[in-house]
C-alpha atoms as a PDB file:
ATOM      1  CA  UNK A   1     -10.758 -20.376  15.962  1.00  0.00           C
ATOM      2  CA  UNK A   2     -13.527 -18.188  15.731  1.00  0.00           C
ATOM      3  CA  UNK A   3     -14.783 -17.794  12.090  1.00  0.00           C
ATOM      4  CA  UNK A   4     -15.617 -14.227  13.099  1.00  0.00           C
ATOM      5  CA  UNK A   5     -13.548 -12.010  10.424  1.00  0.00           C
ATOM      6  CA  UNK A   6     -13.143  -8.012  10.617  1.00  0.00           C
ATOM      7  CA  UNK A   7     -10.962  -6.058   8.519  1.00  0.00           C
ATOM      8  CA  UNK A   8      -8.208  -3.399   9.390  1.00  0.00           C
ATOM      9  CA  UNK A   9      -5.850  -0.937   6.968  1.00  0.00           C
ATOM     10  CA  UNK A  10      -2.783  -2.533   6.083  1.00  0.00           C
ATOM     11  CA  UNK A  11      -1.143   0.558   8.352  1.00  0.00           C
ATOM     12  CA  UNK A  12      -2.492  -0.917  10.981  1.00  0.00           C
ATOM     13  CA  UNK A  13      -1.371  -4.437  11.318  1.00  0.00           C
ATOM     14  CA  UNK A  14       1.287  -4.906  14.036  1.00  0.00           C
ATOM     15  CA  UNK A  15       1.204  -7.312  17.446  1.00  0.00           C
ATOM     16  CA  UNK A  16      -1.949  -5.384  18.052  1.00  0.00           C
ATOM     17  CA  UNK A  17      -4.986  -4.391  15.878  1.00  0.00           C
ATOM     18  CA  UNK A  18      -7.423  -1.382  16.890  1.00  0.00           C
ATOM     19  CA  UNK A  19     -10.548  -1.312  15.740  1.00  0.00           C
ATOM     20  CA  UNK A  20     -12.745   1.285  15.634  1.00  0.00           C
ATOM     21  CA  UNK A  21     -16.117   2.628  13.979  1.00  0.00           C
ATOM     22  CA  UNK A  22     -18.165   0.163  11.860  1.00  0.00           C
ATOM     23  CA  UNK A  23     -15.989  -2.925  12.693  1.00  0.00           C
ATOM     24  CA  UNK A  24     -15.667  -2.160  16.527  1.00  0.00           C
ATOM     25  CA  UNK A  25     -19.572  -1.756  16.562  1.00  0.00           C
ATOM     26  CA  UNK A  26     -20.057  -4.731  14.626  1.00  0.00           C
ATOM     27  CA  UNK A  27     -17.372  -7.054  17.388  1.00  0.00           C
ATOM     28  CA  UNK A  28     -18.541  -5.325  20.759  1.00  0.00           C
ATOM     29  CA  UNK A  29     -22.119  -3.937  20.246  1.00  0.00           C
ATOM     30  CA  UNK A  30     -23.675  -6.523  16.789  1.00  0.00           C
ATOM     31  CA  UNK A  31     -21.478  -9.863  17.773  1.00  0.00           C
ATOM     32  CA  UNK A  32     -21.118  -8.707  21.734  1.00  0.00           C
ATOM     33  CA  UNK A  33     -17.869 -10.348  21.414  1.00  0.00           C
ATOM     34  CA  UNK A  34     -15.448 -10.507  24.649  1.00  0.00           C
ATOM     35  CA  UNK A  35     -11.607 -10.556  26.085  1.00  0.00           C
ATOM     36  CA  UNK A  36     -10.722 -13.363  25.258  1.00  0.00           C
ATOM     37  CA  UNK A  37     -12.784 -14.446  22.343  1.00  0.00           C
ATOM     38  CA  UNK A  38     -10.677 -15.298  19.329  1.00  0.00           C
ATOM     39  CA  UNK A  39     -11.251 -13.597  15.570  1.00  0.00           C
ATOM     40  CA  UNK A  40      -9.874 -13.365  12.574  1.00  0.00           C
ATOM     41  CA  UNK A  41      -8.818 -10.019  10.471  1.00  0.00           C
ATOM     42  CA  UNK A  42      -8.204  -9.508   6.698  1.00  0.00           C
ATOM     43  CA  UNK A  43      -6.001  -6.356   5.670  1.00  0.00           C
ATOM     44  CA  UNK A  44      -6.972  -6.325   1.838  1.00  0.00           C
ATOM     45  CA  UNK A  45      -3.504  -7.099   1.005  1.00  0.00           C
ATOM     46  CA  UNK A  46      -2.873 -10.182   1.182  1.00  0.00           C
ATOM     47  CA  UNK A  47      -3.036 -11.016   5.082  1.00  0.00           C
ATOM     48  CA  UNK A  48      -4.569 -12.606   7.564  1.00  0.00           C
ATOM     49  CA  UNK A  49      -4.168 -12.219  11.152  1.00  0.00           C
ATOM     50  CA  UNK A  50      -5.692 -14.616  13.844  1.00  0.00           C
ATOM     51  CA  UNK A  51      -6.178 -12.658  17.066  1.00  0.00           C
ATOM     52  CA  UNK A  52      -7.226 -12.790  20.783  1.00  0.00           C
ATOM     53  CA  UNK A  53     -10.084 -10.043  21.851  1.00  0.00           C
ATOM     54  CA  UNK A  54      -7.968  -8.004  24.934  1.00  0.00           C
ATOM     55  CA  UNK A  55     -10.475  -5.002  25.185  1.00  0.00           C
ATOM     56  CA  UNK A  56     -13.836  -4.692  23.406  1.00  0.00           C
ATOM     57  CA  UNK A  57     -15.316  -0.894  24.590  1.00  0.00           C
ATOM     58  CA  UNK A  58     -17.441   0.889  22.697  1.00  0.00           C
ATOM     59  CA  UNK A  59     -15.604   3.083  20.806  1.00  0.00           C
ATOM     60  CA  UNK A  60     -12.127   1.077  20.206  1.00  0.00           C
ATOM     61  CA  UNK A  61     -11.596  -2.613  20.466  1.00  0.00           C
ATOM     62  CA  UNK A  62      -7.776  -3.971  21.063  1.00  0.00           C
ATOM     63  CA  UNK A  63      -6.677  -7.395  19.416  1.00  0.00           C
ATOM     64  CA  UNK A  64      -3.684  -9.403  20.629  1.00  0.00           C
ATOM     65  CA  UNK A  65      -1.806 -10.859  17.149  1.00  0.00           C
ATOM     66  CA  UNK A  66      -1.325 -14.165  17.910  1.00  0.00           C
ATOM     67  CA  UNK A  67      -0.281 -15.443  14.106  1.00  0.00           C
ATOM     68  CA  UNK A  68      -0.644 -14.160  10.747  1.00  0.00           C
ATOM     69  CA  UNK A  69      -1.247 -15.864   7.372  1.00  0.00           C
ATOM     70  CA  UNK A  70       0.378 -14.310   3.969  1.00  0.00           C
ATOM     71  CA  UNK A  71      -1.463 -15.289   0.525  1.00  0.00           C
ATOM     72  CA  UNK A  72       0.290 -14.723  -3.110  1.00  0.00           C
ATOM     73  CA  UNK A  73      -1.540 -12.164  -5.572  1.00  0.00           C
ATOM     74  CA  UNK A  74      -2.898 -14.009  -7.894  1.00  0.00           C
ATOM     75  CA  UNK A  75      -0.852 -13.792 -11.238  1.00  0.00           C
ATOM     76  CA  UNK A  76      -4.268 -13.148 -13.590  1.00  0.00           C
ATOM     77  CA  UNK A  77      -5.911 -10.283 -12.641  1.00  0.00           C
ATOM     78  CA  UNK A  78      -9.249  -9.125 -14.197  1.00  0.00           C
ATOM     79  CA  UNK A  79     -10.470  -5.918 -14.338  1.00  0.00           C
ATOM     80  CA  UNK A  80     -14.305  -5.195 -14.705  1.00  0.00           C
ATOM     81  CA  UNK A  81     -15.166  -2.119 -16.599  1.00  0.00           C
ATOM     82  CA  UNK A  82     -18.675  -1.270 -16.329  1.00  0.00           C
ATOM     83  CA  UNK A  83     -20.703   1.723 -17.323  1.00  0.00           C
ATOM     84  CA  UNK A  84     -22.644   3.678 -14.907  1.00  0.00           C
ATOM     85  CA  UNK A  85     -26.581   2.587 -15.129  1.00  0.00           C
ATOM     86  CA  UNK A  86     -29.232   3.469 -12.489  1.00  0.00           C
ATOM     87  CA  UNK A  87     -30.921   0.267 -13.361  1.00  0.00           C
ATOM     88  CA  UNK A  88     -28.069  -1.977 -12.292  1.00  0.00           C
ATOM     89  CA  UNK A  89     -28.523  -3.975  -8.875  1.00  0.00           C
ATOM     90  CA  UNK A  90     -24.959  -2.720  -7.418  1.00  0.00           C
ATOM     91  CA  UNK A  91     -25.097  -4.996  -4.496  1.00  0.00           C
ATOM     92  CA  UNK A  92     -25.762  -8.246  -6.383  1.00  0.00           C
ATOM     93  CA  UNK A  93     -22.864  -7.333  -8.641  1.00  0.00           C
ATOM     94  CA  UNK A  94     -20.632  -6.377  -6.202  1.00  0.00           C
ATOM     95  CA  UNK A  95     -21.114  -8.945  -3.910  1.00  0.00           C
ATOM     96  CA  UNK A  96     -19.972 -11.540  -6.617  1.00  0.00           C
ATOM     97  CA  UNK A  97     -16.614  -9.130  -7.509  1.00  0.00           C
ATOM     98  CA  UNK A  98     -15.561 -10.121  -4.879  1.00  0.00           C
ATOM     99  CA  UNK A  99     -16.432 -13.333  -4.277  1.00  0.00           C
ATOM    100  CA  UNK A 100     -15.140 -14.326  -8.330  1.00  0.00           C
ATOM    101  CA  UNK A 101     -11.588 -12.290  -7.098  1.00  0.00           C
ATOM    102  CA  UNK A 102     -12.073  -9.198  -9.260  1.00  0.00           C
ATOM    103  CA  UNK A 103      -8.695  -6.879  -9.433  1.00  0.00           C
ATOM    104  CA  UNK A 104     -10.699  -3.769  -9.830  1.00  0.00           C
ATOM    105  CA  UNK A 105     -14.286  -2.894 -10.272  1.00  0.00           C
ATOM    106  CA  UNK A 106     -13.969   0.771 -12.693  1.00  0.00           C
ATOM    107  CA  UNK A 107     -17.329   2.368 -12.886  1.00  0.00           C
ATOM    108  CA  UNK A 108     -17.607   4.648 -15.928  1.00  0.00           C
ATOM    109  CA  UNK A 109     -19.539   7.681 -17.178  1.00  0.00           C
ATOM    110  CA  UNK A 110     -20.848   6.206 -20.333  1.00  0.00           C
ATOM    111  CA  UNK A 111     -22.332   8.104 -23.569  1.00  0.00           C
ATOM    112  CA  UNK A 112     -25.509   6.072 -22.746  1.00  0.00           C
ATOM    113  CA  UNK A 113     -25.593   6.149 -19.059  1.00  0.00           C
ATOM    114  CA  UNK A 114     -29.255   6.366 -16.979  1.00  0.00           C
ATOM    115  CA  UNK A 115     -28.202   8.987 -14.596  1.00  0.00           C
ATOM    116  CA  UNK A 116     -25.074  10.665 -14.069  1.00  0.00           C
ATOM    117  CA  UNK A 117     -22.425   9.370 -11.467  1.00  0.00           C
ATOM    118  CA  UNK A 118     -22.581  10.245  -8.132  1.00  0.00           C
ATOM    119  CA  UNK A 119     -18.983  11.331  -6.741  1.00  0.00           C
ATOM    120  CA  UNK A 120     -19.147   9.719  -3.512  1.00  0.00           C
ATOM    121  CA  UNK A 121     -19.408   6.323  -5.653  1.00  0.00           C
ATOM    122  CA  UNK A 122     -16.258   5.343  -4.298  1.00  0.00           C
ATOM    123  CA  UNK A 123     -16.750   5.471  -1.379  1.00  0.00           C
ATOM    124  CA  UNK A 124     -20.019   3.801  -1.220  1.00  0.00           C
ATOM    125  CA  UNK A 125     -19.001   0.521  -3.565  1.00  0.00           C
ATOM    126  CA  UNK A 126     -15.712   0.508  -1.022  1.00  0.00           C
ATOM    127  CA  UNK A 127     -17.327   0.287   2.111  1.00  0.00           C
ATOM    128  CA  UNK A 128     -19.466  -2.900   0.038  1.00  0.00           C
ATOM    129  CA  UNK A 129     -16.159  -4.663  -1.190  1.00  0.00           C
ATOM    130  CA  UNK A 130     -15.270  -4.325   2.258  1.00  0.00           C
ATOM    131  CA  UNK A 131     -18.252  -6.022   3.495  1.00  0.00           C
ATOM    132  CA  UNK A 132     -17.666  -8.599   0.992  1.00  0.00           C
ATOM    133  CA  UNK A 133     -14.316 -10.194   1.864  1.00  0.00           C
ATOM    134  CA  UNK A 134     -15.107 -10.614   5.484  1.00  0.00           C
ATOM    135  CA  UNK A 135     -17.815 -12.825   4.224  1.00  0.00           C
ATOM    136  CA  UNK A 136     -16.240 -14.751   1.193  1.00  0.00           C
ATOM    137  CA  UNK A 137     -13.088 -14.221   3.295  1.00  0.00           C
ATOM    138  CA  UNK A 138     -10.896 -13.375   0.550  1.00  0.00           C
ATOM    139  CA  UNK A 139      -7.329 -11.438   1.810  1.00  0.00           C
ATOM    140  CA  UNK A 140      -7.245  -9.252  -1.543  1.00  0.00           C
ATOM    141  CA  UNK A 141      -9.586  -6.139  -1.338  1.00  0.00           C
ATOM    142  CA  UNK A 142     -11.019  -5.141  -5.108  1.00  0.00           C
ATOM    143  CA  UNK A 143     -10.548  -1.445  -5.718  1.00  0.00           C
ATOM    144  CA  UNK A 144     -13.066   0.464  -6.667  1.00  0.00           C
ATOM    145  CA  UNK A 145     -12.188   3.508  -8.956  1.00  0.00           C
ATOM    146  CA  UNK A 146     -14.967   6.330 -10.570  1.00  0.00           C
ATOM    147  CA  UNK A 147     -14.169   7.218 -14.632  1.00  0.00           C
ATOM    148  CA  UNK A 148     -16.459  10.513 -14.233  1.00  0.00           C
ATOM    149  CA  UNK A 149     -15.196  11.731 -18.152  1.00  0.00           C
ATOM    150  CA  UNK A 150     -15.955   8.306 -19.118  1.00  0.00           C
ATOM    151  CA  UNK A 151     -14.473   5.909 -21.764  1.00  0.00           C
ATOM    152  CA  UNK A 152     -11.462   7.772 -23.183  1.00  0.00           C
ATOM    153  CA  UNK A 153     -10.471   8.296 -19.598  1.00  0.00           C
ATOM    154  CA  UNK A 154     -10.761   4.164 -18.879  1.00  0.00           C
ATOM    155  CA  UNK A 155      -9.228   3.282 -22.121  1.00  0.00           C
ATOM    156  CA  UNK A 156      -6.156   5.982 -20.749  1.00  0.00           C
ATOM    157  CA  UNK A 157      -6.216   3.840 -17.507  1.00  0.00           C
ATOM    158  CA  UNK A 158      -5.707   0.230 -18.740  1.00  0.00           C
ATOM    159  CA  UNK A 159      -3.164   1.156 -21.856  1.00  0.00           C
ATOM    160  CA  UNK A 160      -0.608  -1.095 -20.151  1.00  0.00           C
ATOM    161  CA  UNK A 161      -2.985  -4.095 -19.756  1.00  0.00           C
ATOM    162  CA  UNK A 162      -1.461  -7.175 -21.217  1.00  0.00           C
ATOM    163  CA  UNK A 163      -5.161  -8.247 -22.487  1.00  0.00           C
ATOM    164  CA  UNK A 164      -8.341  -6.217 -23.688  1.00  0.00           C
ATOM    165  CA  UNK A 165     -11.496  -7.808 -23.962  1.00  0.00           C
ATOM    166  CA  UNK A 166     -14.846  -5.671 -25.300  1.00  0.00           C
ATOM    167  CA  UNK A 167     -17.803  -8.342 -24.715  1.00  0.00           C
ATOM    168  CA  UNK A 168     -20.428  -6.055 -26.967  1.00  0.00           C
ATOM    169  CA  UNK A 169     -24.483  -7.467 -27.987  1.00  0.00           C
ATOM    170  CA  UNK A 170     -24.564  -5.134 -31.210  1.00  0.00           C
ATOM    171  CA  UNK A 171     -22.522  -7.131 -33.429  1.00  0.00           C
ATOM    172  CA  UNK A 172     -21.810  -9.673 -36.345  1.00  0.00           C
ATOM    173  CA  UNK A 173     -19.218 -12.380 -37.459  1.00  0.00           C
ATOM    174  CA  UNK A 174     -17.237 -11.952 -33.813  1.00  0.00           C
ATOM    175  CA  UNK A 175     -15.794 -14.930 -32.591  1.00  0.00           C
ATOM    176  CA  UNK A 176     -17.554 -16.525 -28.902  1.00  0.00           C
ATOM    177  CA  UNK A 177     -15.145 -15.605 -25.642  1.00  0.00           C
ATOM    178  CA  UNK A 178     -13.205 -19.056 -24.985  1.00  0.00           C
ATOM    179  CA  UNK A 179     -10.646 -20.396 -22.443  1.00  0.00           C
ATOM    180  CA  UNK A 180      -7.763 -19.220 -24.268  1.00  0.00           C
ATOM    181  CA  UNK A 181      -8.993 -15.671 -24.151  1.00  0.00           C
ATOM    182  CA  UNK A 182      -9.521 -16.126 -19.744  1.00  0.00           C
ATOM    183  CA  UNK A 183      -7.446 -16.391 -17.151  1.00  0.00           C
ATOM    184  CA  UNK A 184      -4.335 -15.170 -18.937  1.00  0.00           C
ATOM    185  CA  UNK A 185      -1.300 -13.947 -17.143  1.00  0.00           C
ATOM    186  CA  UNK A 186      -1.398 -10.072 -16.105  1.00  0.00           C
ATOM    187  CA  UNK A 187      -3.981  -7.852 -16.167  1.00  0.00           C
ATOM    188  CA  UNK A 188      -7.672  -7.856 -18.702  1.00  0.00           C
ATOM    189  CA  UNK A 189      -9.772  -5.702 -18.565  1.00  0.00           C
ATOM    190  CA  UNK A 190     -13.582  -6.495 -19.556  1.00  0.00           C
ATOM    191  CA  UNK A 191     -15.197  -3.145 -20.626  1.00  0.00           C
ATOM    192  CA  UNK A 192     -19.272  -3.512 -20.392  1.00  0.00           C
ATOM    193  CA  UNK A 193     -21.472  -0.894 -21.579  1.00  0.00           C
ATOM    194  CA  UNK A 194     -24.338   0.891 -19.893  1.00  0.00           C
ATOM    195  CA  UNK A 195     -28.014  -0.902 -20.188  1.00  0.00           C
ATOM    196  CA  UNK A 196     -28.838   1.364 -23.403  1.00  0.00           C
ATOM    197  CA  UNK A 197     -25.553  -0.125 -25.080  1.00  0.00           C
ATOM    198  CA  UNK A 198     -22.493   2.148 -25.887  1.00  0.00           C
ATOM    199  CA  UNK A 199     -22.453   4.984 -28.660  1.00  0.00           C
ATOM    200  CA  UNK A 200     -20.482   5.045 -32.063  1.00  0.00           C
ATOM    201  CA  UNK A 201     -18.318   6.807 -30.276  1.00  0.00           C
ATOM    202  CA  UNK A 202     -16.797   4.786 -27.845  1.00  0.00           C
ATOM    203  CA  UNK A 203     -17.068   1.604 -29.359  1.00  0.00           C
ATOM    204  CA  UNK A 204     -15.029   3.458 -32.125  1.00  0.00           C
ATOM    205  CA  UNK A 205     -12.384   4.468 -30.078  1.00  0.00           C
ATOM    206  CA  UNK A 206     -12.519   0.821 -27.827  1.00  0.00           C
ATOM    207  CA  UNK A 207     -11.779  -0.831 -31.227  1.00  0.00           C
ATOM    208  CA  UNK A 208      -8.780   1.855 -32.347  1.00  0.00           C
ATOM    209  CA  UNK A 209      -7.634   1.230 -28.780  1.00  0.00           C
ATOM    210  CA  UNK A 210      -7.474  -2.635 -30.259  1.00  0.00           C
ATOM    211  CA  UNK A 211     -10.235  -3.931 -27.324  1.00  0.00           C
ATOM    212  CA  UNK A 212     -10.791  -7.798 -28.939  1.00  0.00           C
ATOM    213  CA  UNK A 213     -15.046  -7.775 -29.979  1.00  0.00           C
ATOM    214  CA  UNK A 214     -16.027 -11.314 -28.181  1.00  0.00           C
ATOM    215  CA  UNK A 215     -19.540 -12.759 -28.168  1.00  0.00           C
ATOM    216  CA  UNK A 216     -21.498 -14.183 -25.358  1.00  0.00           C
ATOM    217  CA  UNK A 217     -24.417 -16.127 -27.509  1.00  0.00           C
ATOM    218  CA  UNK A 218     -27.927 -15.211 -29.366  1.00  0.00           C
ATOM    219  CA  UNK A 219     -29.061 -13.608 -25.670  1.00  0.00           C
ATOM    220  CA  UNK A 220     -28.956  -9.534 -24.426  1.00  0.00           C
ATOM    221  CA  UNK A 221     -27.590  -9.607 -21.056  1.00  0.00           C
ATOM    222  CA  UNK A 222     -28.464  -6.914 -18.403  1.00  0.00           C
ATOM    223  CA  UNK A 223     -24.975  -5.271 -17.721  1.00  0.00           C
ATOM    224  CA  UNK A 224     -24.146  -6.367 -14.413  1.00  0.00           C
ATOM    225  CA  UNK A 225     -25.121  -9.928 -15.439  1.00  0.00           C
ATOM    226  CA  UNK A 226     -22.574  -9.399 -18.252  1.00  0.00           C
ATOM    227  CA  UNK A 227     -19.673  -8.221 -15.774  1.00  0.00           C
ATOM    228  CA  UNK A 228     -20.393 -11.366 -13.655  1.00  0.00           C
ATOM    229  CA  UNK A 229     -20.501 -13.631 -16.151  1.00  0.00           C
ATOM    230  CA  UNK A 230     -16.931 -12.188 -17.062  1.00  0.00           C
ATOM    231  CA  UNK A 231     -15.603 -13.254 -13.607  1.00  0.00           C
ATOM    232  CA  UNK A 232     -17.167 -16.255 -13.397  1.00  0.00           C
ATOM    233  CA  UNK A 233     -15.007 -17.379 -16.924  1.00  0.00           C
ATOM    234  CA  UNK A 234     -12.507 -15.593 -15.785  1.00  0.00           C
ATOM    235  CA  UNK A 235     -12.071 -17.556 -12.105  1.00  0.00           C
ATOM    236  CA  UNK A 236     -13.046 -20.584 -13.866  1.00  0.00           C
ATOM    237  CA  UNK A 237     -10.105 -20.774 -16.457  1.00  0.00           C
ATOM    238  CA  UNK A 238      -7.350 -19.455 -14.358  1.00  0.00           C
ATOM    239  CA  UNK A 239      -7.621 -22.476 -11.688  1.00  0.00           C
ATOM    240  CA  UNK A 240      -7.199 -25.047 -15.045  1.00  0.00           C
ATOM    241  CA  UNK A 241      -4.272 -26.799 -15.620  1.00  0.00           C
ATOM    242  CA  UNK A 242      -1.447 -24.515 -17.421  1.00  0.00           C
ATOM    243  CA  UNK A 243      -3.168 -20.879 -16.535  1.00  0.00           C
ATOM    244  CA  UNK A 244      -1.763 -18.836 -14.287  1.00  0.00           C
ATOM    245  CA  UNK A 245      -3.616 -20.065 -10.773  1.00  0.00           C
ATOM    246  CA  UNK A 246      -3.731 -23.462 -11.514  1.00  0.00           C
ATOM    247  CA  UNK A 247      -5.344 -25.082  -8.470  1.00  0.00           C
ATOM    248  CA  UNK A 248      -2.129 -27.255  -7.098  1.00  0.00           C
ATOM    249  CA  UNK A 249      -2.434 -31.117  -8.155  1.00  0.00           C
ATOM    250  CA  UNK A 250      -4.737 -30.237 -10.681  1.00  0.00           C
ATOM    251  CA  UNK A 251      -4.442 -32.819 -13.900  1.00  0.00           C
ATOM    252  CA  UNK A 252      -2.799 -31.929 -17.237  1.00  0.00           C
END
């Protein structure tokens, strides 16, 4: 079976899958695959189809599905709320977010954000997420949401989540982030401030909403580094014995 992966919308999955646009161009124009070649297709919602190319056209390619694999949704779901900043290396962070199983990435307008959150951010980031799942073969597509109205909208959207964590560099007397905080059942939101830091208004709102302040230690991290660290630690913890997504056969 080929290791070439493609993406199709969940509604397009069936006995046959039609690829158009960029996916079709990549199949026929870049990879130069042809009739009879085998490929795999992800729908970003837990399905991966094995398929054979029936038609490799310039504008449309048709695939015949031979087998479909279904994967369960992880029970431990990390959501990263990352304040917008022009200085953030978004390509790096998005790649890692997909690899490390982020359920969603929320980009929000901070009081101290460098620049204004663009209207097209969701569409631009979603394309990068699709490229990411094809690269690392993650059957679940990380969703992207934009919050131009700032921290108040983020707090409202996450009010029913099971866990709320606030990594914040300008604080004293708080505990280090530990394994017990990570990889828990349900939805965990990690709220990361911009390069300019949280404003007093934002911190007050987050604390009032019950976010647990935690420390990463003595060093101040760039915001995309802190966000990636949260996801890496969450992924690691969720795989440990006794956690909801523990690896099969893991020891006690």
